[in-house]
Amino acid sequence: MDLYRQNILEHYKHPHNFGHMQNADVVKTFFNSACGDKIIMELKFEKKSGIVENISFSGEGCAISQASASLLTDEVKGKSVEAVLKFQTQHVLKLLNTALTPSRMKCALLPLEAIQKCILEGKTKKMV
């Protein structure tokens, strides 16, 4: 099984939307205690339309978690928060386009969990 396909390595070495955002509506830190991956997710919402206006991430971790974060941040930018809340495991696997072992699945899904929890916090605080 080729875990580290070229696309994954490219997103790991040159992640999209990596860094910090000024004036984010929600900033949260998430950890994968099994392997030590850390993701800081930052989201800004268009309040009237309920879409993800901007998103960025930072942190450190394996190639799978960082590539997943890069791919997912590209995918959710400009989408409605309701659509993003419907994303599931299969969506992440399709973006990564590779088979994952059960231990790597947590790495791949950490960014999705982070994005969805940030959206839920934004909804709770009436930012969306």
N, C-alpha and C. Protein backbone atom coordinates (compact mmCIF):
# COMPACT_ATOMS: atom_id res chain seq x y z
N MET A 1 0.85 -1.18 0.00
CA MET A 1 0.00 0.00 0.00
C MET A 1 0.90 1.24 0.00
N ASP A 2 0.65 2.14 -0.95
CA ASP A 2 1.44 3.36 -1.07
C ASP A 2 0.79 4.48 -0.27
N LEU A 3 1.13 4.53 1.03
CA LEU A 3 0.51 5.51 1.93
C LEU A 3 0.84 6.95 1.54
N TYR A 4 2.04 7.16 1.11
CA TYR A 4 2.50 8.53 0.89
C TYR A 4 2.57 8.84 -0.60
N ARG A 5 1.44 8.84 -1.24
CA ARG A 5 1.37 9.16 -2.67
C ARG A 5 1.89 10.57 -2.90
N GLN A 6 2.19 10.86 -4.13
CA GLN A 6 2.76 12.15 -4.50
C GLN A 6 1.87 13.32 -4.06
N ASN A 7 0.56 13.22 -4.24
CA ASN A 7 -0.36 14.28 -3.83
C ASN A 7 -0.29 14.56 -2.34
N ILE A 8 -0.22 13.51 -1.55
CA ILE A 8 -0.12 13.68 -0.09
C ILE A 8 1.20 14.35 0.27
N LEU A 9 2.28 13.89 -0.33
CA LEU A 9 3.59 14.50 -0.04
C LEU A 9 3.64 15.96 -0.47
N GLU A 10 3.01 16.28 -1.59
CA GLU A 10 2.99 17.66 -2.06
C GLU A 10 2.24 18.56 -1.06
N HIS A 11 1.09 18.11 -0.58
CA HIS A 11 0.32 18.90 0.40
C HIS A 11 1.02 18.95 1.75
N TYR A 12 1.80 17.94 2.08
CA TYR A 12 2.56 17.93 3.33
C TYR A 12 3.71 18.94 3.25
N LYS A 13 4.42 18.94 2.13
CA LYS A 13 5.59 19.82 1.98
C LYS A 13 5.18 21.27 1.71
N HIS A 14 4.05 21.45 1.01
CA HIS A 14 3.59 22.79 0.63
C HIS A 14 2.09 22.90 0.91
N PRO A 15 1.72 22.91 2.20
CA PRO A 15 0.29 22.92 2.53
C PRO A 15 -0.40 24.21 2.13
N HIS A 16 -1.62 24.06 1.67
CA HIS A 16 -2.45 25.22 1.33
C HIS A 16 -3.10 25.73 2.62
N ASN A 17 -3.32 27.01 2.69
CA ASN A 17 -4.03 27.65 3.82
C ASN A 17 -3.31 27.45 5.15
N PHE A 18 -2.00 27.28 5.11
CA PHE A 18 -1.22 27.09 6.33
C PHE A 18 -0.81 28.45 6.87
N GLY A 19 -0.98 28.64 8.16
CA GLY A 19 -0.59 29.88 8.81
C GLY A 19 -1.70 30.40 9.68
N HIS A 20 -1.52 31.62 10.14
CA HIS A 20 -2.51 32.22 11.03
C HIS A 20 -3.29 33.30 10.29
N MET A 21 -4.52 33.47 10.69
CA MET A 21 -5.43 34.43 10.07
C MET A 21 -5.73 35.54 11.08
N GLN A 22 -5.76 36.75 10.60
CA GLN A 22 -6.19 37.85 11.47
C GLN A 22 -7.70 37.88 11.51
N ASN A 23 -8.24 38.19 12.65
CA ASN A 23 -9.68 38.37 12.83
C ASN A 23 -10.50 37.11 12.58
N ALA A 24 -9.98 35.95 12.94
CA ALA A 24 -10.75 34.71 12.82
C ALA A 24 -11.91 34.75 13.81
N ASP A 25 -13.02 34.17 13.41
CA ASP A 25 -14.17 34.09 14.31
C ASP A 25 -13.98 32.99 15.35
N VAL A 26 -13.36 31.89 14.95
CA VAL A 26 -13.12 30.77 15.86
C VAL A 26 -11.70 30.26 15.66
N VAL A 27 -11.00 30.05 16.76
CA VAL A 27 -9.66 29.46 16.76
C VAL A 27 -9.65 28.37 17.81
N LYS A 28 -9.34 27.15 17.39
CA LYS A 28 -9.33 26.03 18.33
C LYS A 28 -8.15 25.11 18.02
N THR A 29 -7.64 24.48 19.07
CA THR A 29 -6.52 23.55 18.95
C THR A 29 -7.02 22.14 19.21
N PHE A 30 -6.56 21.21 18.39
CA PHE A 30 -6.97 19.81 18.48
C PHE A 30 -5.74 18.91 18.45
N PHE A 31 -5.81 17.80 19.19
CA PHE A 31 -4.70 16.85 19.28
C PHE A 31 -5.17 15.44 18.95
N ASN A 32 -4.29 14.68 18.36
CA ASN A 32 -4.48 13.25 18.22
C ASN A 32 -3.52 12.62 19.23
N SER A 33 -4.04 12.21 20.37
CA SER A 33 -3.18 11.69 21.43
C SER A 33 -2.49 10.39 21.05
N ALA A 34 -3.02 9.68 20.07
CA ALA A 34 -2.42 8.42 19.66
C ALA A 34 -1.06 8.61 18.99
N CYS A 35 -0.90 9.73 18.26
CA CYS A 35 0.36 9.90 17.53
C CYS A 35 1.02 11.26 17.74
N GLY A 36 0.32 12.18 18.40
CA GLY A 36 0.91 13.48 18.69
C GLY A 36 0.62 14.57 17.66
N ASP A 37 -0.22 14.29 16.67
CA ASP A 37 -0.59 15.32 15.70
C ASP A 37 -1.29 16.47 16.42
N LYS A 38 -1.00 17.69 15.97
CA LYS A 38 -1.62 18.88 16.55
C LYS A 38 -2.07 19.78 15.41
N ILE A 39 -3.33 20.21 15.46
CA ILE A 39 -3.89 21.10 14.44
C ILE A 39 -4.53 22.29 15.15
N ILE A 40 -4.18 23.47 14.72
CA ILE A 40 -4.85 24.69 15.16
C ILE A 40 -5.67 25.17 13.96
N MET A 41 -6.97 25.18 14.11
CA MET A 41 -7.87 25.53 13.01
C MET A 41 -8.45 26.91 13.27
N GLU A 42 -8.49 27.74 12.25
CA GLU A 42 -9.01 29.10 12.35
C GLU A 42 -10.02 29.33 11.23
N LEU A 43 -11.22 29.76 11.60
CA LEU A 43 -12.28 29.97 10.61
C LEU A 43 -12.87 31.36 10.73
N LYS A 44 -13.24 31.90 9.58
CA LYS A 44 -13.98 33.16 9.51
C LYS A 44 -15.22 32.88 8.67
N PHE A 45 -16.36 33.35 9.16
CA PHE A 45 -17.63 33.08 8.50
C PHE A 45 -18.20 34.34 7.87
N GLU A 46 -18.90 34.17 6.75
CA GLU A 46 -19.75 35.23 6.22
C GLU A 46 -21.06 35.10 6.97
N LYS A 47 -21.33 36.02 7.85
CA LYS A 47 -22.45 35.87 8.78
C LYS A 47 -23.81 35.83 8.10
N LYS A 48 -24.02 36.64 7.09
CA LYS A 48 -25.33 36.68 6.45
C LYS A 48 -25.62 35.44 5.62
N SER A 49 -24.60 34.95 4.93
CA SER A 49 -24.82 33.82 4.02
C SER A 49 -24.57 32.46 4.67
N GLY A 50 -23.86 32.44 5.81
CA GLY A 50 -23.58 31.17 6.48
C GLY A 50 -22.56 30.31 5.76
N ILE A 51 -21.60 30.96 5.09
CA ILE A 51 -20.56 30.17 4.44
C ILE A 51 -19.22 30.39 5.12
N VAL A 52 -18.30 29.47 4.88
CA VAL A 52 -16.95 29.60 5.39
C VAL A 52 -16.23 30.57 4.46
N GLU A 53 -16.00 31.77 4.96
CA GLU A 53 -15.36 32.82 4.15
C GLU A 53 -13.87 32.55 4.01
N ASN A 54 -13.23 32.17 5.11
CA ASN A 54 -11.79 31.91 5.09
C ASN A 54 -11.47 30.86 6.13
N ILE A 55 -10.38 30.14 5.90
CA ILE A 55 -9.97 29.09 6.82
C ILE A 55 -8.46 28.93 6.71
N SER A 56 -7.83 28.70 7.85
CA SER A 56 -6.40 28.41 7.85
C SER A 56 -6.12 27.42 8.97
N PHE A 57 -4.95 26.80 8.87
CA PHE A 57 -4.55 25.87 9.92
C PHE A 57 -3.05 25.99 10.15
N SER A 58 -2.64 25.56 11.30
CA SER A 58 -1.22 25.43 11.61
C SER A 58 -1.08 24.24 12.54
N GLY A 59 0.12 23.94 12.90
CA GLY A 59 0.37 22.79 13.76
C GLY A 59 1.42 21.90 13.15
N GLU A 60 1.50 20.71 13.70
CA GLU A 60 2.50 19.77 13.22
C GLU A 60 1.95 18.37 13.33
N GLY A 61 2.45 17.52 12.49
CA GLY A 61 2.00 16.14 12.51
C GLY A 61 2.51 15.38 11.31
N CYS A 62 2.00 14.22 11.15
CA CYS A 62 2.43 13.34 10.07
C CYS A 62 1.93 13.87 8.72
N ALA A 63 2.45 13.28 7.66
CA ALA A 63 2.08 13.70 6.31
C ALA A 63 0.58 13.55 6.07
N ILE A 64 -0.03 12.51 6.62
CA ILE A 64 -1.46 12.27 6.41
C ILE A 64 -2.30 13.39 7.04
N SER A 65 -2.02 13.74 8.29
CA SER A 65 -2.83 14.77 8.95
C SER A 65 -2.64 16.13 8.31
N GLN A 66 -1.41 16.47 7.95
CA GLN A 66 -1.16 17.77 7.34
C GLN A 66 -1.75 17.86 5.93
N ALA A 67 -1.62 16.80 5.14
CA ALA A 67 -2.21 16.78 3.80
C ALA A 67 -3.73 16.84 3.89
N SER A 68 -4.29 16.10 4.83
CA SER A 68 -5.75 16.12 5.02
C SER A 68 -6.22 17.53 5.36
N ALA A 69 -5.50 18.21 6.24
CA ALA A 69 -5.86 19.58 6.61
C ALA A 69 -5.77 20.52 5.40
N SER A 70 -4.71 20.38 4.62
CA SER A 70 -4.54 21.20 3.44
C SER A 70 -5.66 20.98 2.43
N LEU A 71 -5.95 19.73 2.14
CA LEU A 71 -7.02 19.39 1.18
C LEU A 71 -8.39 19.83 1.68
N LEU A 72 -8.67 19.59 2.96
CA LEU A 72 -9.97 19.96 3.51
C LEU A 72 -10.17 21.47 3.56
N THR A 73 -9.13 22.21 3.91
CA THR A 73 -9.30 23.67 3.96
C THR A 73 -9.58 24.22 2.56
N ASP A 74 -8.94 23.64 1.54
CA ASP A 74 -9.28 24.03 0.16
C ASP A 74 -10.74 23.72 -0.14
N GLU A 75 -11.17 22.56 0.29
CA GLU A 75 -12.52 22.06 -0.02
C GLU A 75 -13.63 22.87 0.65
N VAL A 76 -13.42 23.29 1.90
CA VAL A 76 -14.52 23.93 2.63
C VAL A 76 -14.63 25.44 2.40
N LYS A 77 -13.57 26.06 1.93
CA LYS A 77 -13.61 27.51 1.71
C LYS A 77 -14.69 27.82 0.69
N GLY A 78 -15.62 28.68 1.08
CA GLY A 78 -16.70 29.08 0.19
C GLY A 78 -17.94 28.19 0.27
N LYS A 79 -17.89 27.14 1.05
CA LYS A 79 -19.03 26.24 1.20
C LYS A 79 -19.88 26.68 2.40
N SER A 80 -21.15 26.29 2.38
CA SER A 80 -22.02 26.60 3.52
C SER A 80 -21.61 25.75 4.71
N VAL A 81 -21.83 26.30 5.89
CA VAL A 81 -21.48 25.54 7.10
C VAL A 81 -22.31 24.27 7.19
N GLU A 82 -23.54 24.32 6.71
CA GLU A 82 -24.39 23.12 6.75
C GLU A 82 -23.83 22.02 5.86
N ALA A 83 -23.31 22.38 4.70
CA ALA A 83 -22.70 21.39 3.80
C ALA A 83 -21.47 20.77 4.43
N VAL A 84 -20.65 21.61 5.07
CA VAL A 84 -19.41 21.11 5.69
C VAL A 84 -19.71 20.19 6.87
N LEU A 85 -20.77 20.48 7.61
CA LEU A 85 -21.15 19.62 8.72
C LEU A 85 -21.59 18.23 8.26
N LYS A 86 -21.93 18.10 6.99
CA LYS A 86 -22.34 16.80 6.45
C LYS A 86 -21.17 15.97 5.94
N PHE A 87 -19.98 16.56 5.87
CA PHE A 87 -18.82 15.80 5.42
C PHE A 87 -18.58 14.63 6.37
N GLN A 88 -18.22 13.49 5.80
CA GLN A 88 -17.96 12.29 6.59
C GLN A 88 -16.63 11.68 6.17
N THR A 89 -16.30 10.57 6.78
CA THR A 89 -15.04 9.86 6.53
C THR A 89 -14.79 9.67 5.04
N GLN A 90 -15.79 9.25 4.30
CA GLN A 90 -15.62 8.96 2.88
C GLN A 90 -15.17 10.19 2.10
N HIS A 91 -15.61 11.35 2.52
CA HIS A 91 -15.21 12.59 1.85
C HIS A 91 -13.70 12.80 1.99
N VAL A 92 -13.19 12.58 3.19
CA VAL A 92 -11.76 12.75 3.44
C VAL A 92 -10.96 11.72 2.66
N LEU A 93 -11.41 10.48 2.67
CA LEU A 93 -10.70 9.42 1.95
C LEU A 93 -10.67 9.69 0.45
N LYS A 94 -11.73 10.25 -0.08
CA LYS A 94 -11.77 10.59 -1.50
C LYS A 94 -10.76 11.69 -1.81
N LEU A 95 -10.66 12.68 -0.94
CA LEU A 95 -9.68 13.76 -1.14
C LEU A 95 -8.25 13.23 -1.09
N LEU A 96 -7.98 12.34 -0.14
CA LEU A 96 -6.63 11.79 0.00
C LEU A 96 -6.30 10.80 -1.10
N ASN A 97 -7.31 10.12 -1.61
CA ASN A 97 -7.15 9.18 -2.72
C ASN A 97 -6.13 8.07 -2.43
N THR A 98 -6.20 7.52 -1.23
CA THR A 98 -5.33 6.40 -0.89
C THR A 98 -5.98 5.58 0.21
N ALA A 99 -5.60 4.34 0.32
CA ALA A 99 -6.10 3.49 1.41
C ALA A 99 -5.32 3.80 2.67
N LEU A 100 -6.00 3.76 3.80
CA LEU A 100 -5.37 4.06 5.09
C LEU A 100 -5.54 2.90 6.05
N THR A 101 -4.54 2.70 6.86
CA THR A 101 -4.65 1.71 7.94
C THR A 101 -5.52 2.31 9.04
N PRO A 102 -6.09 1.49 9.91
CA PRO A 102 -6.91 2.04 10.99
C PRO A 102 -6.17 3.08 11.85
N SER A 103 -4.90 2.88 12.09
CA SER A 103 -4.16 3.85 12.91
C SER A 103 -3.99 5.19 12.19
N ARG A 104 -3.89 5.17 10.87
CA ARG A 104 -3.76 6.41 10.10
C ARG A 104 -5.09 7.11 9.87
N MET A 105 -6.18 6.38 10.06
CA MET A 105 -7.50 6.98 9.87
C MET A 105 -7.71 8.15 10.84
N LYS A 106 -7.26 8.00 12.08
CA LYS A 106 -7.39 9.09 13.06
C LYS A 106 -6.61 10.32 12.62
N CYS A 107 -5.46 10.10 12.01
CA CYS A 107 -4.65 11.21 11.50
C CYS A 107 -5.40 11.96 10.41
N ALA A 108 -6.01 11.22 9.51
CA ALA A 108 -6.72 11.81 8.38
C ALA A 108 -7.97 12.55 8.82
N LEU A 109 -8.63 12.07 9.86
CA LEU A 109 -9.91 12.64 10.27
C LEU A 109 -9.78 13.78 11.29
N LEU A 110 -8.61 13.96 11.88
CA LEU A 110 -8.43 15.04 12.86
C LEU A 110 -8.79 16.41 12.28
N PRO A 111 -8.34 16.77 11.07
CA PRO A 111 -8.73 18.08 10.53
C PRO A 111 -10.24 18.22 10.29
N LEU A 112 -10.89 17.17 9.86
CA LEU A 112 -12.35 17.24 9.67
C LEU A 112 -13.04 17.47 11.01
N GLU A 113 -12.63 16.74 12.02
CA GLU A 113 -13.20 16.94 13.36
C GLU A 113 -12.98 18.38 13.82
N ALA A 114 -11.80 18.90 13.58
CA ALA A 114 -11.47 20.27 13.99
C ALA A 114 -12.35 21.29 13.28
N ILE A 115 -12.50 21.14 11.97
CA ILE A 115 -13.32 22.07 11.20
C ILE A 115 -14.77 22.03 11.67
N GLN A 116 -15.30 20.84 11.83
CA GLN A 116 -16.71 20.72 12.22
C GLN A 116 -16.95 21.24 13.63
N LYS A 117 -16.03 21.02 14.55
CA LYS A 117 -16.20 21.55 15.90
C LYS A 117 -16.07 23.07 15.92
N CYS A 118 -15.22 23.62 15.08
CA CYS A 118 -15.14 25.09 14.98
C CYS A 118 -16.46 25.66 14.46
N ILE A 119 -17.03 25.01 13.46
CA ILE A 119 -18.32 25.47 12.92
C ILE A 119 -19.40 25.40 13.99
N LEU A 120 -19.44 24.31 14.73
CA LEU A 120 -20.44 24.18 15.79
C LEU A 120 -20.26 25.24 16.85
N GLU A 121 -19.01 25.57 17.19
CA GLU A 121 -18.78 26.64 18.16
C GLU A 121 -19.24 27.98 17.59
N GLY A 122 -18.97 28.21 16.31
CA GLY A 122 -19.42 29.43 15.67
C GLY A 122 -20.93 29.55 15.68
N LYS A 123 -21.62 28.44 15.46
CA LYS A 123 -23.08 28.45 15.49
C LYS A 123 -23.58 28.71 16.91
N THR A 124 -22.95 28.09 17.89
CA THR A 124 -23.33 28.29 19.29
C THR A 124 -23.18 29.75 19.71
N LYS A 125 -22.11 30.37 19.24
CA LYS A 125 -21.84 31.77 19.59
C LYS A 125 -22.52 32.74 18.62
N LYS A 126 -23.37 32.20 17.76
CA LYS A 126 -24.15 33.01 16.81
C LYS A 126 -23.25 33.83 15.87
N MET A 127 -22.13 33.24 15.49
CA MET A 127 -21.22 33.89 14.53
C MET A 127 -21.62 33.53 13.10
N VAL A 128 -22.44 32.50 12.98
CA VAL A 128 -22.89 32.04 11.66
C VAL A 128 -24.39 32.18 11.60
